[in-house]
Structures are given as C-alpha cells and as structure tokens.
Amino acid sequence: MKVRELQEQLSKLDPEMEVVCYSEDERLLVKKRGFILFDILAVSTANAERLRLEDGTPYLKFEKGPDSAAITTLEVTADF
C-alpha cells in the first residue's frame, strides 16, 4: 500500500479513533487464536532493499544501494 492510499482510507475515519493492526498469518499465530493484534509505535522513512530470505520470508536490508528505495515503515508491537 502506498502512503497516498493509506491517507485516503484513513481520511474517511474519525481522526480521534484508535488504530490497531492485525494479522491472520498462520506463521505468526499462537495456537487456538485466529489473529494477532499489533499496536503502532512509530512511523518512519528509511532507505531499504526489499528481498526474501532463503526460506521465503520477506525482509528489508536497511542500506542505500542500487536496489534500495525510500520506504515508509510502521513500527508495531504485540505488547499493548
């Protein structure tokens, strides 16, 4: 999702409403739970290269290089 798209979606909502993220990704789930909640801690921008590790896991390499680009990141926590 691009920042513009996220802003468009959020602009339709009450600006005082709480925001949480969730995932139904089975690799993240604790047994017998259908989803995991995340609280947003920070929003930042960094230069990074998007890649996949040998096992297929999505990963970011945080450095400026020929394959890197500016990317916006949301720092989240499952402890809130």
C-alpha atoms as a PDB file:
ATOM      1  CA  MET A   1       0.000   0.000   0.000  1.00  0.00           C
ATOM      2  CA  LYS A   2       1.251   3.469  -0.854  1.00  0.00           C
ATOM      3  CA  VAL A   3       1.162   6.375   1.628  1.00  0.00           C
ATOM      4  CA  ARG A   4      -1.426   8.110  -0.592  1.00  0.00           C
ATOM      5  CA  GLU A   5      -3.709   5.067  -0.449  1.00  0.00           C
ATOM      6  CA  LEU A   6      -3.349   4.780   3.330  1.00  0.00           C
ATOM      7  CA  GLN A   7      -4.084   8.501   3.753  1.00  0.00           C
ATOM      8  CA  GLU A   8      -7.181   8.196   1.562  1.00  0.00           C
ATOM      9  CA  GLN A   9      -8.509   5.307   3.638  1.00  0.00           C
ATOM     10  CA  LEU A  10      -7.720   6.962   6.977  1.00  0.00           C
ATOM     11  CA  SER A  11      -9.207  10.319   5.889  1.00  0.00           C
ATOM     12  CA  LYS A  12     -12.648   8.657   5.798  1.00  0.00           C
ATOM     13  CA  LEU A  13     -12.467   7.844   9.514  1.00  0.00           C
ATOM     14  CA  ASP A  14     -12.874   9.757  12.766  1.00  0.00           C
ATOM     15  CA  PRO A  15      -9.380  11.223  13.438  1.00  0.00           C
ATOM     16  CA  GLU A  16      -9.781  10.538  17.181  1.00  0.00           C
ATOM     17  CA  MET A  17     -10.382   6.810  16.649  1.00  0.00           C
ATOM     18  CA  GLU A  18      -7.768   4.324  17.938  1.00  0.00           C
ATOM     19  CA  VAL A  19      -5.823   2.383  15.268  1.00  0.00           C
ATOM     20  CA  VAL A  20      -4.564  -1.199  15.607  1.00  0.00           C
ATOM     21  CA  CYS A  21      -3.177  -3.633  13.058  1.00  0.00           C
ATOM     22  CA  TYR A  22      -3.954  -7.317  12.902  1.00  0.00           C
ATOM     23  CA  SER A  23      -2.749 -10.367  11.025  1.00  0.00           C
ATOM     24  CA  GLU A  24      -4.270 -13.750  10.333  1.00  0.00           C
ATOM     25  CA  ASP A  25      -0.933 -15.078   9.019  1.00  0.00           C
ATOM     26  CA  GLU A  26      -0.666 -18.612  10.402  1.00  0.00           C
ATOM     27  CA  ARG A  27       3.111 -18.227  10.850  1.00  0.00           C
ATOM     28  CA  LEU A  28       2.516 -15.519  13.475  1.00  0.00           C
ATOM     29  CA  LEU A  29      -0.396 -17.061  15.352  1.00  0.00           C
ATOM     30  CA  VAL A  30      -0.430 -18.536  18.814  1.00  0.00           C
ATOM     31  CA  LYS A  31      -2.257 -21.875  18.966  1.00  0.00           C
ATOM     32  CA  LYS A  32      -6.082 -21.600  19.008  1.00  0.00           C
ATOM     33  CA  ARG A  33      -6.154 -17.890  18.089  1.00  0.00           C
ATOM     34  CA  GLY A  34      -7.494 -16.664  14.758  1.00  0.00           C
ATOM     35  CA  PHE A  35      -5.484 -13.429  14.616  1.00  0.00           C
ATOM     36  CA  ILE A  36      -2.785 -11.389  16.367  1.00  0.00           C
ATOM     37  CA  LEU A  37      -3.116  -7.683  17.246  1.00  0.00           C
ATOM     38  CA  PHE A  38      -0.410  -5.047  16.837  1.00  0.00           C
ATOM     39  CA  ASP A  39      -0.252  -1.503  18.240  1.00  0.00           C
ATOM     40  CA  ILE A  40       1.550   1.132  16.140  1.00  0.00           C
ATOM     41  CA  LEU A  41       4.552   2.634  17.964  1.00  0.00           C
ATOM     42  CA  ALA A  42       6.079   4.830  15.256  1.00  0.00           C
ATOM     43  CA  VAL A  43       6.073   5.794  11.590  1.00  0.00           C
ATOM     44  CA  SER A  44       9.379   6.490   9.846  1.00  0.00           C
ATOM     45  CA  THR A  45      11.159   6.520   6.497  1.00  0.00           C
ATOM     46  CA  ALA A  46      14.352   4.670   5.577  1.00  0.00           C
ATOM     47  CA  ASN A  47      16.301   3.524   2.550  1.00  0.00           C
ATOM     48  CA  ALA A  48      15.927  -0.219   2.196  1.00  0.00           C
ATOM     49  CA  GLU A  49      16.025  -3.049  -0.294  1.00  0.00           C
ATOM     50  CA  ARG A  50      13.037  -5.397  -0.273  1.00  0.00           C
ATOM     51  CA  LEU A  51      14.072  -9.037  -0.563  1.00  0.00           C
ATOM     52  CA  ARG A  52      13.267 -12.555   0.580  1.00  0.00           C
ATOM     53  CA  LEU A  53      15.438 -14.750   2.759  1.00  0.00           C
ATOM     54  CA  GLU A  54      16.353 -18.268   1.642  1.00  0.00           C
ATOM     55  CA  ASP A  55      13.256 -19.652   3.400  1.00  0.00           C
ATOM     56  CA  GLY A  56      11.000 -17.173   1.545  1.00  0.00           C
ATOM     57  CA  THR A  57      10.490 -14.795   4.487  1.00  0.00           C
ATOM     58  CA  PRO A  58      10.049 -11.139   3.387  1.00  0.00           C
ATOM     59  CA  TYR A  59      12.939  -8.992   4.632  1.00  0.00           C
ATOM     60  CA  LEU A  60      14.366  -5.466   4.395  1.00  0.00           C
ATOM     61  CA  LYS A  61      18.055  -4.707   4.006  1.00  0.00           C
ATOM     62  CA  PHE A  62      18.452  -1.220   5.534  1.00  0.00           C
ATOM     63  CA  GLU A  63      21.156   0.453   3.473  1.00  0.00           C
ATOM     64  CA  LYS A  64      21.444   2.730   0.483  1.00  0.00           C
ATOM     65  CA  GLY A  65      22.384   0.829  -2.654  1.00  0.00           C
ATOM     66  CA  PRO A  66      21.443   0.301  -6.297  1.00  0.00           C
ATOM     67  CA  ASP A  67      18.405  -1.825  -5.377  1.00  0.00           C
ATOM     68  CA  SER A  68      17.232   0.240  -2.396  1.00  0.00           C
ATOM     69  CA  ALA A  69      14.456   2.812  -2.310  1.00  0.00           C
ATOM     70  CA  ALA A  70      12.826   5.079   0.247  1.00  0.00           C
ATOM     71  CA  ILE A  71      10.187   3.143   2.160  1.00  0.00           C
ATOM     72  CA  THR A  72       7.798   4.131   4.945  1.00  0.00           C
ATOM     73  CA  THR A  73       7.720   1.744   7.890  1.00  0.00           C
ATOM     74  CA  LEU A  74       5.281   1.276  10.751  1.00  0.00           C
ATOM     75  CA  GLU A  75       6.926   0.022  13.932  1.00  0.00           C
ATOM     76  CA  VAL A  76       4.434  -2.215  15.723  1.00  0.00           C
ATOM     77  CA  THR A  77       4.283  -4.227  18.914  1.00  0.00           C
ATOM     78  CA  ALA A  78       2.087  -7.107  20.032  1.00  0.00           C
ATOM     79  CA  ASP A  79       2.524  -5.941  23.653  1.00  0.00           C
ATOM     80  CA  PHE A  80      -0.016  -3.232  24.448  1.00  0.00           C
END
